[in-house]
Protein backbone atom coordinates (compact mmCIF):
# COMPACT_ATOMS: atom_id res chain seq x y z
CA MET A 1 16.45 -18.10 34.51
CA THR A 2 20.12 -18.39 35.44
CA GLY A 3 21.07 -19.14 31.85
CA VAL A 4 19.22 -16.09 30.56
CA ASN A 5 20.89 -13.88 33.16
CA LEU A 6 24.28 -15.28 32.22
CA VAL A 7 23.69 -14.60 28.52
CA LEU A 8 22.49 -11.05 29.14
CA THR A 9 25.42 -10.29 31.43
CA ALA A 10 27.92 -11.76 28.99
CA PHE A 11 26.42 -9.72 26.15
CA VAL A 12 26.73 -6.46 28.07
CA ALA A 13 30.26 -7.37 29.18
CA VAL A 14 31.31 -8.00 25.58
CA LEU A 15 29.79 -4.67 24.55
CA CYS A 16 31.70 -2.92 27.30
CA VAL A 17 35.03 -4.60 26.54
CA PHE A 18 35.02 -4.35 22.76
CA LEU A 19 32.68 -1.50 21.85
CA ALA A 20 33.13 1.14 24.56
CA PRO A 21 35.77 0.40 27.22
CA THR A 22 35.37 3.89 28.66
CA ALA A 23 31.83 2.94 29.72
CA ALA A 24 33.18 0.45 32.27
CA GLY A 25 33.29 2.93 35.13
CA PRO A 26 30.50 4.81 36.85
CA GLY A 27 31.22 8.04 34.99
CA ILE A 28 31.29 10.34 38.01
CA PRO A 29 34.98 11.32 37.65
CA GLU A 30 34.41 12.07 33.96
CA ILE A 31 31.41 14.27 34.73
CA LYS A 32 33.37 16.11 37.43
CA ALA A 33 36.23 16.68 35.00
CA TYR A 34 33.81 17.91 32.33
CA LEU A 35 32.16 20.32 34.76
CA ASN A 36 35.60 21.67 35.70
CA GLY A 37 36.28 22.50 32.06
CA ILE A 38 38.56 19.60 31.12
CA ASP A 39 37.95 18.26 27.61
CA THR A 40 37.33 14.52 27.77
CA PRO A 41 37.16 13.02 24.28
CA ASN A 42 34.43 10.48 23.46
CA MET A 43 32.65 11.00 26.77
CA PHE A 44 29.26 11.71 25.20
CA ASP A 45 29.57 9.17 22.40
CA ALA A 46 26.55 7.22 21.16
CA THR A 47 28.35 3.91 21.75
CA ILE A 48 28.92 4.75 25.41
CA LEU A 49 25.25 5.64 25.77
CA LEU A 50 24.30 2.34 24.11
CA VAL A 51 26.48 0.32 26.49
CA LYS A 52 25.26 2.19 29.58
CA VAL A 53 21.61 1.77 28.57
CA GLY A 54 22.26 -1.91 27.86
CA PHE A 55 23.81 -2.36 31.28
CA PHE A 56 20.93 -0.73 33.14
CA SER A 57 18.36 -2.59 31.03
CA ASN A 58 20.10 -5.84 31.92
CA LEU A 59 20.10 -4.90 35.59
CA ALA A 60 16.40 -4.01 35.48
CA LEU A 61 15.48 -7.28 33.74
CA GLN A 62 17.40 -9.34 36.26
CA THR A 63 15.73 -7.50 39.15
CA ILE A 64 12.28 -8.06 37.67
CA TRP A 65 12.99 -11.77 37.21
CA LEU A 66 14.23 -12.06 40.79
CA LEU A 67 11.02 -10.54 42.11
CA ASP A 68 8.81 -13.01 40.22
């Protein structure tokens, strides 16, 4: 299982580095800035959503495998 976890983590890391580097953080400062009226470009991009969903899917899969 360690090899599968390593591959999944590396895949999400590559997505985050090359596809959407702005998805690396938690997003709370960006949301606070948006709610205060500051225009943040590319915050609600489809690629950022893809990377964030990929990260949380990876985290969920690893948690499920740890519980088995």
